[in-house]
Protein backbone atom coordinates (compact mmCIF):
# COMPACT_ATOMS: atom_id res chain seq x y z
CA MET A 1 -31.07 18.19 -21.41
CA PHE A 2 -27.99 20.39 -21.14
CA SER A 3 -26.98 22.55 -23.92
CA SER A 4 -23.44 23.51 -22.57
CA ILE A 5 -21.25 23.53 -19.69
CA GLU A 6 -22.40 26.72 -18.25
CA ALA A 7 -25.91 25.15 -18.38
CA VAL A 8 -24.76 22.44 -16.17
CA GLN A 9 -23.21 24.72 -13.66
CA SER A 10 -26.43 26.97 -13.59
CA ALA A 11 -28.59 23.91 -13.16
CA MET A 12 -26.56 22.34 -10.47
CA GLU A 13 -26.12 25.77 -8.53
CA LYS A 14 -29.80 26.26 -8.52
CA ASN A 15 -30.17 23.18 -6.46
CA ALA A 16 -27.39 24.52 -4.17
CA TYR A 17 -24.43 22.31 -5.48
CA ILE A 18 -21.56 24.40 -6.38
CA THR A 19 -19.30 22.94 -9.32
CA ASP A 20 -16.12 24.11 -10.72
CA ARG A 21 -15.36 23.94 -14.58
CA ALA A 22 -13.83 20.51 -14.53
CA MET A 23 -16.94 18.88 -12.63
CA ALA A 24 -19.40 20.60 -15.03
CA THR A 25 -17.40 19.61 -17.98
CA THR A 26 -17.46 16.07 -16.82
CA LEU A 27 -21.34 16.03 -16.28
CA PHE A 28 -21.67 17.75 -19.72
CA LEU A 29 -19.68 15.04 -21.50
CA SER A 30 -21.30 12.19 -19.55
CA HIS A 31 -24.62 13.52 -20.82
CA ALA A 32 -23.33 14.16 -24.39
CA LEU A 33 -21.49 10.68 -24.83
CA MET A 34 -23.81 8.63 -22.33
CA LYS A 35 -21.02 7.35 -20.52
CA PRO A 36 -20.81 6.47 -16.70
CA ILE A 37 -18.82 8.78 -14.49
CA LEU A 38 -16.52 7.20 -11.92
CA LEU A 39 -16.27 9.69 -9.07
CA GLU A 40 -13.35 9.28 -6.50
CA GLY A 41 -12.41 11.33 -3.48
CA GLU A 42 -12.22 11.46 0.29
CA ALA A 43 -15.37 10.56 2.09
CA GLY A 44 -17.77 13.65 2.76
CA VAL A 45 -16.53 15.75 -0.20
CA GLY A 46 -20.03 15.44 -2.21
CA LYS A 47 -19.78 12.59 -4.48
CA THR A 48 -23.10 11.21 -3.56
CA GLU A 49 -24.71 14.52 -3.37
CA MET A 50 -23.66 15.25 -6.99
CA ALA A 51 -25.81 12.34 -8.14
CA LYS A 52 -28.81 13.48 -6.06
CA VAL A 53 -28.64 17.12 -7.27
CA LEU A 54 -27.99 15.88 -10.95
CA ALA A 55 -31.37 14.03 -10.63
CA GLN A 56 -33.01 17.10 -9.29
CA SER A 57 -31.62 19.42 -11.98
CA LEU A 58 -32.87 17.00 -14.68
CA GLY A 59 -36.06 16.38 -13.14
CA THR A 60 -35.81 12.70 -13.16
CA LYS A 61 -35.66 9.92 -10.63
CA LEU A 62 -32.67 8.88 -8.78
CA ILE A 63 -32.24 5.08 -8.31
CA ARG A 64 -29.51 4.13 -5.85
CA LEU A 65 -27.62 0.90 -5.39
CA GLN A 66 -25.61 0.85 -2.21
CA CYS A 67 -22.77 -1.42 -2.47
CA TYR A 68 -21.48 -3.52 0.20
CA GLU A 69 -19.16 -6.64 0.80
CA GLY A 70 -21.25 -9.82 -0.46
CA LEU A 71 -23.51 -7.88 -2.67
CA ASP A 72 -24.59 -10.27 -5.37
CA ALA A 73 -26.56 -10.13 -8.63
CA ASN A 74 -29.96 -11.11 -7.11
CA HIS A 75 -29.91 -8.16 -4.66
CA ALA A 76 -28.68 -5.77 -7.43
CA ILE A 77 -30.95 -6.76 -10.41
CA TYR A 78 -34.04 -8.83 -9.38
CA GLU A 79 -35.59 -11.38 -7.22
CA TRP A 80 -38.63 -13.33 -7.66
CA ASN A 81 -41.55 -12.67 -5.27
CA TYR A 82 -41.47 -16.18 -3.87
CA GLN A 83 -44.44 -15.65 -1.22
CA LYS A 84 -46.64 -14.21 -4.04
CA GLN A 85 -45.84 -17.12 -6.26
CA LEU A 86 -46.53 -19.72 -3.72
CA LEU A 87 -49.96 -18.18 -3.00
CA ARG A 88 -50.75 -18.20 -6.84
CA ILE A 89 -49.62 -21.84 -7.00
CA LYS A 90 -52.06 -22.87 -4.23
CA LEU A 91 -54.88 -20.97 -5.95
CA GLU A 92 -54.08 -22.40 -9.32
CA GLU A 93 -54.15 -25.99 -7.72
CA ARG A 94 -57.61 -25.59 -6.59
CA SER A 95 -58.81 -24.80 -10.03
CA HIS A 96 -56.90 -27.62 -11.53
CA THR A 97 -54.89 -25.29 -13.91
CA SER A 98 -52.10 -27.17 -15.89
CA ARG A 99 -48.56 -26.91 -14.73
CA ASP A 100 -47.25 -25.14 -17.85
CA GLU A 101 -50.00 -22.46 -17.38
CA VAL A 102 -49.08 -22.04 -13.81
CA ASP A 103 -45.47 -21.58 -14.77
CA ARG A 104 -46.25 -18.97 -17.31
CA THR A 105 -48.14 -17.10 -14.85
CA ILE A 106 -45.80 -17.07 -11.87
CA PHE A 107 -42.70 -16.39 -13.88
CA SER A 108 -44.18 -13.17 -15.42
CA GLU A 109 -43.05 -9.61 -14.72
CA GLU A 110 -46.16 -9.31 -12.21
CA TYR A 111 -44.11 -11.57 -9.76
CA LEU A 112 -40.73 -9.78 -10.41
CA ILE A 113 -39.14 -7.76 -7.64
CA ARG A 114 -37.17 -5.14 -9.34
CA ARG A 115 -33.79 -4.23 -7.72
CA PRO A 116 -31.96 -0.99 -8.67
CA LEU A 117 -30.11 -2.03 -11.93
CA LEU A 118 -33.22 -3.69 -13.26
CA GLU A 119 -35.51 -0.63 -12.07
CA ALA A 120 -32.96 1.71 -13.94
CA ILE A 121 -33.05 -0.28 -17.21
CA THR A 122 -36.76 -0.71 -17.35
CA SER A 123 -37.66 2.84 -16.32
CA ASP A 124 -40.21 4.13 -18.72
CA GLY A 125 -40.26 7.85 -17.88
CA ASN A 126 -39.71 10.55 -20.34
CA VAL A 127 -36.28 11.37 -18.99
CA ALA A 128 -33.64 8.77 -18.30
CA PRO A 129 -33.19 8.13 -14.52
CA VAL A 130 -29.90 8.78 -12.76
CA LEU A 131 -28.32 5.41 -11.40
CA LEU A 132 -26.23 5.95 -8.54
CA ILE A 133 -23.97 3.03 -7.70
CA ASP A 134 -22.57 4.09 -4.51
CA GLU A 135 -19.24 2.93 -2.81
CA VAL A 136 -18.64 0.51 -5.67
CA ASP A 137 -15.23 -0.20 -4.00
CA ARG A 138 -16.85 -1.94 -1.33
CA ALA A 139 -18.40 -4.63 -3.48
CA ASP A 140 -16.45 -7.74 -4.34
CA GLU A 141 -14.38 -7.82 -7.32
CA GLU A 142 -16.90 -10.52 -8.99
CA PHE A 143 -19.87 -7.96 -8.55
CA GLU A 144 -17.53 -5.43 -10.36
CA ALA A 145 -16.88 -7.60 -13.25
CA PHE A 146 -20.58 -8.05 -13.55
CA LEU A 147 -21.17 -4.51 -13.67
CA LEU A 148 -18.98 -4.37 -16.88
CA GLU A 149 -21.60 -6.29 -18.85
CA VAL A 150 -24.51 -4.22 -17.48
CA LEU A 151 -22.77 -1.00 -18.36
CA SER A 152 -21.65 -2.05 -21.70
CA ASP A 153 -25.03 -3.26 -22.99
CA PHE A 154 -27.70 -1.74 -20.72
CA GLN A 155 -29.56 -4.87 -21.08
CA ILE A 156 -30.50 -7.89 -18.66
CA THR A 157 -31.60 -11.30 -19.45
CA ILE A 158 -34.11 -13.05 -17.37
CA PRO A 159 -34.26 -16.69 -18.44
CA GLU A 160 -37.85 -17.01 -17.73
CA ILE A 161 -38.74 -13.75 -19.48
CA GLY A 162 -36.18 -12.87 -22.02
CA THR A 163 -34.01 -9.75 -22.66
CA LEU A 164 -35.05 -6.69 -21.13
CA ARG A 165 -33.39 -3.49 -22.74
CA ALA A 166 -33.13 0.09 -21.62
CA LYS A 167 -35.77 2.41 -23.41
CA HIS A 168 -33.58 5.35 -22.21
CA LYS A 169 -29.94 4.66 -21.03
CA PRO A 170 -29.81 5.92 -17.41
CA TYR A 171 -27.27 8.59 -16.27
CA VAL A 172 -24.72 6.41 -14.44
CA ILE A 173 -22.58 7.65 -11.53
CA LEU A 174 -20.25 5.50 -9.65
CA THR A 175 -18.57 6.46 -6.56
CA SER A 176 -15.61 5.14 -4.73
CA ASN A 177 -13.64 6.02 -1.52
CA ARG A 178 -10.58 3.99 -2.74
CA THR A 179 -10.64 1.49 -0.09
CA ARG A 180 -9.48 -0.67 -2.94
CA GLU A 181 -8.34 -0.23 -6.66
CA MET A 182 -10.96 -0.30 -9.45
CA HIS A 183 -10.12 -2.68 -12.45
CA ASP A 184 -8.93 -0.80 -15.39
CA ALA A 185 -11.64 -2.40 -17.52
CA LEU A 186 -14.38 -0.67 -15.47
CA LYS A 187 -12.42 2.66 -15.63
CA ARG A 188 -12.10 2.49 -19.25
CA ARG A 189 -15.85 2.58 -19.57
CA CYS A 190 -16.24 5.54 -17.40
CA LEU A 191 -15.33 9.18 -17.47
CA TYR A 192 -13.13 9.76 -14.45
CA LEU A 193 -13.36 12.70 -11.90
CA TRP A 194 -11.58 13.15 -8.68
CA ILE A 195 -13.15 15.50 -6.16
CA PRO A 196 -10.72 16.89 -3.76
CA TYR A 197 -11.31 18.94 -0.55
CA PRO A 198 -12.60 22.12 -1.75
CA ALA A 199 -10.46 25.55 -1.78
CA PHE A 200 -11.65 28.15 0.72
CA GLU A 201 -13.58 30.14 -1.77
CA ARG A 202 -15.52 27.10 -3.07
CA GLU A 203 -16.31 25.83 0.48
CA PHE A 204 -17.40 29.22 1.57
CA GLU A 205 -19.85 29.34 -1.32
CA ILE A 206 -21.11 25.91 -0.51
CA VAL A 207 -21.70 26.79 3.14
CA LEU A 208 -23.78 29.97 2.06
CA ALA A 209 -25.63 28.01 -0.63
CA ARG A 210 -26.48 25.04 1.94
CA VAL A 211 -26.83 26.94 5.24
CA PRO A 212 -28.82 30.05 3.88
CA MET A 213 -29.39 31.72 7.29
CA ILE A 214 -25.71 31.65 8.13
CA GLU A 215 -23.82 35.15 8.63
CA ASN A 216 -20.85 35.68 6.38
CA ILE A 217 -18.36 36.18 9.17
CA LEU A 218 -19.23 33.01 10.82
CA ALA A 219 -19.14 31.09 7.49
CA SER A 220 -15.87 32.54 6.76
CA GLN A 221 -14.35 31.46 10.06
CA ILE A 222 -15.70 27.96 9.70
CA CYS A 223 -14.26 27.55 6.20
CA GLN A 224 -10.91 29.03 7.42
CA PHE A 225 -10.79 26.55 10.50
CA MET A 226 -11.62 23.55 8.22
CA GLN A 227 -9.04 24.51 5.75
CA LYS A 228 -6.27 24.57 8.47
CA VAL A 229 -7.62 21.38 10.13
CA ARG A 230 -7.23 19.34 6.95
CA GLU A 231 -3.53 20.33 6.98
CA ILE A 232 -3.12 18.44 10.27
CA ASP A 233 -2.51 14.81 10.17
CA PHE A 234 -5.68 13.46 11.91
CA TYR A 235 -6.87 9.86 11.23
CA LYS A 236 -10.00 11.13 9.42
CA ARG A 237 -9.90 14.72 8.18
CA PRO A 238 -13.32 16.43 7.89
CA GLY A 239 -14.96 16.72 4.71
CA VAL A 240 -17.60 19.24 3.39
CA ALA A 241 -20.28 17.12 5.01
CA GLU A 242 -18.86 17.81 8.37
CA THR A 243 -18.30 21.47 7.50
CA LEU A 244 -22.11 21.81 6.69
CA ASP A 245 -23.05 19.83 9.90
CA TRP A 246 -20.87 22.16 12.01
CA ALA A 247 -22.30 25.20 10.44
CA ALA A 248 -25.82 24.14 10.98
CA ALA A 249 -25.06 23.10 14.61
CA LEU A 250 -23.47 26.55 15.27
CA LEU A 251 -26.49 28.25 13.69
CA ALA A 252 -28.77 26.08 15.87
CA LEU A 253 -26.80 27.33 19.01
CA GLY A 254 -27.15 30.94 18.23
CA ARG A 255 -23.52 31.63 17.44
CA ASP A 256 -22.21 34.27 15.20
CA HIS A 257 -18.55 33.58 15.53
CA LEU A 258 -15.98 31.02 16.74
CA ASP A 259 -14.33 30.97 20.27
CA LYS A 260 -12.43 28.24 22.11
CA GLN A 261 -15.46 27.16 24.17
CA VAL A 262 -17.90 26.65 21.20
CA VAL A 263 -15.25 24.73 19.23
CA ASP A 264 -14.43 22.50 22.15
CA GLU A 265 -18.13 21.81 22.77
CA THR A 266 -18.87 20.94 19.12
CA LEU A 267 -15.72 18.75 17.97
CA GLY A 268 -18.01 15.86 17.66
CA CYS A 269 -19.56 17.65 14.48
CA ILE A 270 -15.97 17.90 13.18
CA PHE A 271 -14.28 14.62 14.01
CA LYS A 272 -15.75 11.08 14.04
CA TYR A 273 -13.20 9.36 16.13
CA ASN A 274 -12.35 9.88 19.74
CA GLU A 275 -8.53 9.71 19.08
CA ASP A 276 -8.85 12.89 16.84
CA ILE A 277 -11.02 14.73 19.30
CA GLN A 278 -8.41 13.94 22.08
CA ARG A 279 -5.70 15.02 19.82
CA ALA A 280 -7.49 18.30 18.99
CA ARG A 281 -8.16 18.90 22.72
CA GLY A 282 -4.47 17.93 23.49
CA GLY A 283 -3.31 21.15 21.59
CA GLN A 284 -3.11 20.29 17.90
CA LEU A 285 -5.63 23.13 17.00
CA ASP A 286 -4.23 25.94 19.23
CA SER A 287 -2.18 27.48 16.43
CA VAL A 288 -5.24 27.26 14.21
CA LEU A 289 -7.31 29.39 16.77
CA GLU A 290 -4.46 31.63 17.57
CA GLY A 291 -4.12 32.34 13.96
CA MET A 292 -7.75 33.16 13.66
CA GLY A 293 -7.66 35.46 16.73
CA CYS A 294 -9.16 32.85 19.10
CA ARG A 295 -7.68 31.55 22.43
CA PRO A 296 -6.36 28.04 22.35
CA ILE A 297 -8.66 25.08 23.26
CA ILE A 298 -8.69 24.08 26.92
CA PRO A 299 -9.94 20.85 27.66
CA VAL A 300 -13.30 20.80 29.60
CA GLY A 301 -12.73 20.77 33.29
CA GLY A 302 -9.04 21.72 32.65
C-alpha cells in the first residue's frame, strides 16, 4: 500500500499525524517486511494514535487489544457463547438429536465469540487490518510469552474446530510505557521505535494540524510553554495529548494568547496530579512565564 517512505509521511499527514523520517521509515519497513512494530515512549506522545491513523491511511479496520494485568488467552483470542450453546442444547433435546450431532453444532464458528487476536487473524477484508496491542507492558509475562507464538505464525488452533490461519497478515503495533521491560524474544520479532517528546517545530505542526482553528501566536506560545515545562522535574511531565487538550481548551475559552491567569485556571489540562499543580502554583513555572513575557503565576486567592 505504501510505495515509499515519502508516501507514508504524506498519507499520515493527510490524517493530521505528523511523522519524522525515522517514524515513516519504520512504518514503511513494517509494511514491506510484514514485521510488528514495538513502540515505546512516555504516555501521551502519540503511540496509540499512530496505530489509529495508520488504519485510516490504509483504509482498513483497526482492531485493538487493550492489555491489563491478568489478561489471559480466552479474553484475547476467543470464548464460546455459552448461553447460546445452552439454548441450542435445550432445543436439540426436544427433537431427540444425537449427542454427536449436538456437539458438532454447538462447537462451530457460529457459536464462537471472536476476541481481538482471532478477529485480526480471521479478517477477510481486501486489506489486512491493523492490530493494536496496547500497553503490552501491563500484561503478565505469561501472556507476553503466548504472544510470541501468535506473532510468529499468525495462526490459532481451536481444538473443536481446527487451525485458523490469517488470510492477510495483520499490521501489528505493540505499545509500551515501559512499566516493565519486554523480553528480548518479543523484541527480536519486532521493529523497534522510541517516540520521544517532540521538538518545538514538530509539536507546533501537530497543534496546527489537530486544532485547525487555533491562531499561530497562541499555538507557538503553548508549544514554547510545554517545551520548558518538560525540562522541570514534575512527577508526570505533560505529553502531546495534554498539549492538544490545552490548546482546545484555550480555544474554547476564546483566548488568543497566554497570561498568568489563564495558565493558572487551566493547569488541570496540563497536569494530572495535584502535587504537580501545587508545585506549579508554588513558583516552578514563574521563570517559564517570565521568559515568555508573561507575569508569574499567582495562586488563586493569593
